[in-house]
C-alpha atoms as a PDB file:
ATOM      1  CA  MET A   1       2.184   0.891  19.375  1.00  0.00           C
ATOM      2  CA  ARG A   2       5.167  -0.001  17.280  1.00  0.00           C
ATOM      3  CA  THR A   3       6.210   2.801  15.014  1.00  0.00           C
ATOM      4  CA  ASP A   4       8.720   0.745  12.967  1.00  0.00           C
ATOM      5  CA  LEU A   5       6.341  -0.967  10.685  1.00  0.00           C
ATOM      6  CA  THR A   6       3.813  -0.032   7.851  1.00  0.00           C
ATOM      7  CA  LEU A   7       1.850  -1.560   4.983  1.00  0.00           C
ATOM      8  CA  THR A   8       1.934  -1.004   1.694  1.00  0.00           C
ATOM      9  CA  MET A   9      -0.123  -2.373  -1.385  1.00  0.00           C
ATOM     10  CA  ILE A  10       1.391  -2.133  -4.796  1.00  0.00           C
ATOM     11  CA  LYS A  11      -2.157  -1.528  -6.710  1.00  0.00           C
ATOM     12  CA  PRO A  12      -3.579  -3.295  -9.780  1.00  0.00           C
ATOM     13  CA  ASP A  13      -2.736  -0.256 -12.046  1.00  0.00           C
ATOM     14  CA  ALA A  14       0.857  -0.796 -11.248  1.00  0.00           C
ATOM     15  CA  THR A  15       1.032  -4.705 -11.158  1.00  0.00           C
ATOM     16  CA  LEU A  16      -0.645  -4.785 -14.620  1.00  0.00           C
ATOM     17  CA  ARG A  17       2.082  -2.468 -16.174  1.00  0.00           C
ATOM     18  CA  GLY A  18       4.840  -4.366 -14.643  1.00  0.00           C
ATOM     19  CA  LEU A  19       6.007  -1.941 -12.199  1.00  0.00           C
ATOM     20  CA  THR A  20       6.117  -4.159  -9.110  1.00  0.00           C
ATOM     21  CA  GLY A  21       9.705  -4.820  -9.215  1.00  0.00           C
ATOM     22  CA  THR A  22      10.654  -1.086  -9.827  1.00  0.00           C
ATOM     23  CA  ILE A  23       8.447  -0.026  -7.023  1.00  0.00           C
ATOM     24  CA  LEU A  24       9.908  -2.482  -4.675  1.00  0.00           C
ATOM     25  CA  LYS A  25      13.398  -1.352  -5.306  1.00  0.00           C
ATOM     26  CA  GLU A  26      12.594   2.185  -4.842  1.00  0.00           C
ATOM     27  CA  ILE A  27      11.249   1.071  -1.268  1.00  0.00           C
ATOM     28  CA  THR A  28      14.333  -0.852  -0.552  1.00  0.00           C
ATOM     29  CA  ASP A  29      16.539   1.973  -1.806  1.00  0.00           C
ATOM     30  CA  ALA A  30      14.683   4.146   0.768  1.00  0.00           C
ATOM     31  CA  LYS A  31      16.119   1.762   3.584  1.00  0.00           C
ATOM     32  CA  PHE A  32      12.897   0.124   4.342  1.00  0.00           C
ATOM     33  CA  SER A  33      13.184  -3.566   4.886  1.00  0.00           C
ATOM     34  CA  ILE A  34      10.545  -6.002   3.659  1.00  0.00           C
ATOM     35  CA  VAL A  35       9.162  -8.120   6.551  1.00  0.00           C
ATOM     36  CA  ALA A  36       6.328 -10.157   4.842  1.00  0.00           C
ATOM     37  CA  LEU A  37       5.355  -9.918   1.182  1.00  0.00           C
ATOM     38  CA  LYS A  38       2.687 -11.567  -1.080  1.00  0.00           C
ATOM     39  CA  LEU A  39       0.954 -11.374  -4.407  1.00  0.00           C
ATOM     40  CA  ILE A  40      -2.934 -11.638  -4.009  1.00  0.00           C
ATOM     41  CA  GLN A  41      -6.098 -11.042  -5.696  1.00  0.00           C
ATOM     42  CA  LEU A  42      -8.667  -9.547  -3.410  1.00  0.00           C
ATOM     43  CA  THR A  43     -12.182 -10.809  -3.637  1.00  0.00           C
ATOM     44  CA  SER A  44     -15.064  -7.993  -3.478  1.00  0.00           C
ATOM     45  CA  TYR A  45     -15.543  -8.829   0.043  1.00  0.00           C
ATOM     46  CA  GLU A  46     -12.253  -8.431   1.123  1.00  0.00           C
ATOM     47  CA  ALA A  47     -11.771  -5.222  -0.466  1.00  0.00           C
ATOM     48  CA  GLN A  48     -14.937  -3.922   0.830  1.00  0.00           C
ATOM     49  CA  LYS A  49     -13.723  -4.920   4.452  1.00  0.00           C
ATOM     50  CA  PHE A  50     -10.267  -3.348   3.737  1.00  0.00           C
ATOM     51  CA  TYR A  51     -11.875   0.010   2.537  1.00  0.00           C
ATOM     52  CA  ALA A  52     -14.989  -0.201   5.081  1.00  0.00           C
ATOM     53  CA  ILE A  53     -13.976   3.261   6.316  1.00  0.00           C
ATOM     54  CA  HIS A  54     -15.213   4.478   2.985  1.00  0.00           C
ATOM     55  CA  GLN A  55     -18.330   2.845   2.695  1.00  0.00           C
ATOM     56  CA  GLY A  56     -21.176   5.148   1.648  1.00  0.00           C
ATOM     57  CA  LYS A  57     -18.882   7.463  -0.106  1.00  0.00           C
ATOM     58  CA  PRO A  58     -19.497   8.084  -3.770  1.00  0.00           C
ATOM     59  CA  PHE A  59     -16.221   6.608  -4.979  1.00  0.00           C
ATOM     60  CA  PHE A  60     -16.415   3.265  -2.887  1.00  0.00           C
ATOM     61  CA  ASN A  61     -17.931   0.915  -5.321  1.00  0.00           C
ATOM     62  CA  GLU A  62     -15.296   2.347  -7.934  1.00  0.00           C
ATOM     63  CA  LEU A  63     -12.601   1.440  -5.594  1.00  0.00           C
ATOM     64  CA  VAL A  64     -13.659  -1.953  -4.636  1.00  0.00           C
ATOM     65  CA  GLU A  65     -14.055  -2.783  -8.436  1.00  0.00           C
ATOM     66  CA  PHE A  66     -10.591  -1.344  -9.031  1.00  0.00           C
ATOM     67  CA  MET A  67      -8.910  -3.136  -6.159  1.00  0.00           C
ATOM     68  CA  THR A  68     -10.226  -6.430  -7.315  1.00  0.00           C
ATOM     69  CA  SER A  69      -9.453  -6.018 -11.182  1.00  0.00           C
ATOM     70  CA  ALA A  70      -5.956  -7.276 -11.169  1.00  0.00           C
ATOM     71  CA  PRO A  71      -3.635  -8.880  -8.375  1.00  0.00           C
ATOM     72  CA  ILE A  72      -2.003  -6.616  -5.659  1.00  0.00           C
ATOM     73  CA  VAL A  73       1.295  -7.143  -3.731  1.00  0.00           C
ATOM     74  CA  ALA A  74       0.697  -6.423   0.002  1.00  0.00           C
ATOM     75  CA  ALA A  75       3.806  -5.949   2.150  1.00  0.00           C
ATOM     76  CA  VAL A  76       4.714  -5.179   5.628  1.00  0.00           C
ATOM     77  CA  LEU A  77       7.925  -2.702   5.749  1.00  0.00           C
ATOM     78  CA  LYS A  78      10.283  -1.849   8.634  1.00  0.00           C
ATOM     79  CA  LYS A  79      12.209   1.293   9.324  1.00  0.00           C
ATOM     80  CA  GLU A  80      12.241   3.734  12.089  1.00  0.00           C
ATOM     81  CA  ASN A  81       9.319   6.285  11.825  1.00  0.00           C
ATOM     82  CA  ALA A  82       7.916   3.773   8.835  1.00  0.00           C
ATOM     83  CA  VAL A  83       4.598   5.429   8.420  1.00  0.00           C
ATOM     84  CA  GLU A  84       5.776   9.045   8.131  1.00  0.00           C
ATOM     85  CA  ASP A  85       8.652   8.039   6.168  1.00  0.00           C
ATOM     86  CA  PHE A  86       6.758   5.969   3.708  1.00  0.00           C
ATOM     87  CA  ARG A  87       3.994   8.641   3.292  1.00  0.00           C
ATOM     88  CA  GLN A  88       6.905  10.929   2.162  1.00  0.00           C
ATOM     89  CA  LEU A  89       8.232   8.297  -0.276  1.00  0.00           C
ATOM     90  CA  ILE A  90       5.015   7.641  -2.120  1.00  0.00           C
ATOM     91  CA  GLY A  91       3.617  11.224  -2.169  1.00  0.00           C
ATOM     92  CA  ALA A  92       0.387  12.785  -2.057  1.00  0.00           C
ATOM     93  CA  THR A  93      -2.737  10.709  -2.704  1.00  0.00           C
ATOM     94  CA  ASN A  94      -3.542  12.956  -5.711  1.00  0.00           C
ATOM     95  CA  PRO A  95      -0.481  12.421  -8.029  1.00  0.00           C
ATOM     96  CA  GLU A  96      -1.215  15.905  -9.215  1.00  0.00           C
ATOM     97  CA  ASN A  97      -0.199  17.239  -5.782  1.00  0.00           C
ATOM     98  CA  ALA A  98       2.552  14.719  -5.181  1.00  0.00           C
ATOM     99  CA  LEU A  99       6.243  16.234  -4.988  1.00  0.00           C
ATOM    100  CA  GLU A 100       8.434  15.355  -7.847  1.00  0.00           C
ATOM    101  CA  GLY A 101      10.378  11.952  -7.122  1.00  0.00           C
ATOM    102  CA  THR A 102       7.788  10.249  -5.149  1.00  0.00           C
ATOM    103  CA  ILE A 103       6.271   7.170  -6.325  1.00  0.00           C
ATOM    104  CA  ARG A 104       2.858   8.412  -7.112  1.00  0.00           C
ATOM    105  CA  LYS A 105       4.498  11.399  -8.942  1.00  0.00           C
ATOM    106  CA  LYS A 106       6.360   8.849 -11.086  1.00  0.00           C
ATOM    107  CA  TYR A 107       3.828   6.085 -11.807  1.00  0.00           C
ATOM    108  CA  ALA A 108      -0.028   6.866 -10.714  1.00  0.00           C
ATOM    109  CA  GLU A 109      -2.266   7.362 -13.674  1.00  0.00           C
ATOM    110  CA  SER A 110      -4.968   9.205 -11.723  1.00  0.00           C
ATOM    111  CA  LEU A 111      -6.297   9.851  -8.279  1.00  0.00           C
ATOM    112  CA  GLN A 112      -7.813   6.397  -8.035  1.00  0.00           C
ATOM    113  CA  ARG A 113      -5.244   4.546 -10.025  1.00  0.00           C
ATOM    114  CA  ASN A 114      -2.253   5.913  -7.950  1.00  0.00           C
ATOM    115  CA  SER A 115      -0.223   2.716  -7.901  1.00  0.00           C
ATOM    116  CA  ILE A 116       0.407   2.385  -4.269  1.00  0.00           C
ATOM    117  CA  HIS A 117      -1.164   2.503  -0.723  1.00  0.00           C
ATOM    118  CA  GLY A 118       0.512   3.440   2.505  1.00  0.00           C
ATOM    119  CA  SER A 119      -0.942   3.256   5.861  1.00  0.00           C
ATOM    120  CA  ASP A 120      -1.769   6.774   7.262  1.00  0.00           C
ATOM    121  CA  SER A 121      -1.004   5.932  11.087  1.00  0.00           C
ATOM    122  CA  ASN A 122       0.624   3.816  13.271  1.00  0.00           C
ATOM    123  CA  GLU A 123      -2.521   2.175  14.447  1.00  0.00           C
ATOM    124  CA  ASN A 124      -3.969   1.544  10.727  1.00  0.00           C
ATOM    125  CA  ALA A 125      -0.572   0.240   9.927  1.00  0.00           C
ATOM    126  CA  TRP A 126      -1.217  -2.596  12.650  1.00  0.00           C
ATOM    127  CA  ILE A 127      -4.653  -3.001  11.555  1.00  0.00           C
ATOM    128  CA  GLU A 128      -3.817  -3.061   7.754  1.00  0.00           C
ATOM    129  CA  SER A 129      -0.733  -5.345   8.317  1.00  0.00           C
ATOM    130  CA  HIS A 130      -2.816  -7.794  10.151  1.00  0.00           C
ATOM    131  CA  PHE A 131      -5.591  -7.796   7.520  1.00  0.00           C
ATOM    132  CA  HIS A 132      -2.991  -9.464   5.004  1.00  0.00           C
ATOM    133  CA  PHE A 133      -0.671 -11.045   7.227  1.00  0.00           C
ATOM    134  CA  SER A 134      -0.728 -13.207  10.487  1.00  0.00           C
ATOM    135  CA  ASP A 135       1.628 -12.321  13.320  1.00  0.00           C
ATOM    136  CA  LYS A 136       3.755 -15.284  12.646  1.00  0.00           C
ATOM    137  CA  GLU A 137       4.143 -14.046   8.998  1.00  0.00           C
ATOM    138  CA  ILE A 138       5.150 -10.520  10.485  1.00  0.00           C
ATOM    139  CA  TYR A 139       7.021 -11.054  13.652  1.00  0.00           C
ATOM    140  CA  ASP A 140       9.013 -14.267  12.427  1.00  0.00           C
ATOM    141  CA  PHE A 141      11.239 -12.018  10.415  1.00  0.00           C
ATOM    142  CA  LEU A 142      11.670  -9.126  12.838  1.00  0.00           C
END
């Protein structure tokens, strides 16, 4: 399992507020390379599939509605120890618990509208990257 790749999604709350470029700059300033990048509008089916692990939880329908409310930016990032380093860069899921200087502390509006997603394990980074990108889209630029 690769440890140098992770997936991020800049969420609808951030894209709607024009924060995509600012967040991408923070990511590259932290020495992550962008391997693949796309602006997409998730369908309800795609959002349900991506977040299937949360199906049946009270917030699932709201999450799907939120993630389909506006475009997102999906990106595969490369850096040694990518998942752990990226999780530190973005901060805690709940921005109230995020450390100063993290992306979520700076830009999140709430627990749900927290501006950015980051894979939580190397296994999920692979699964999530391949949800949005083909092998060719990822590995042609490594």
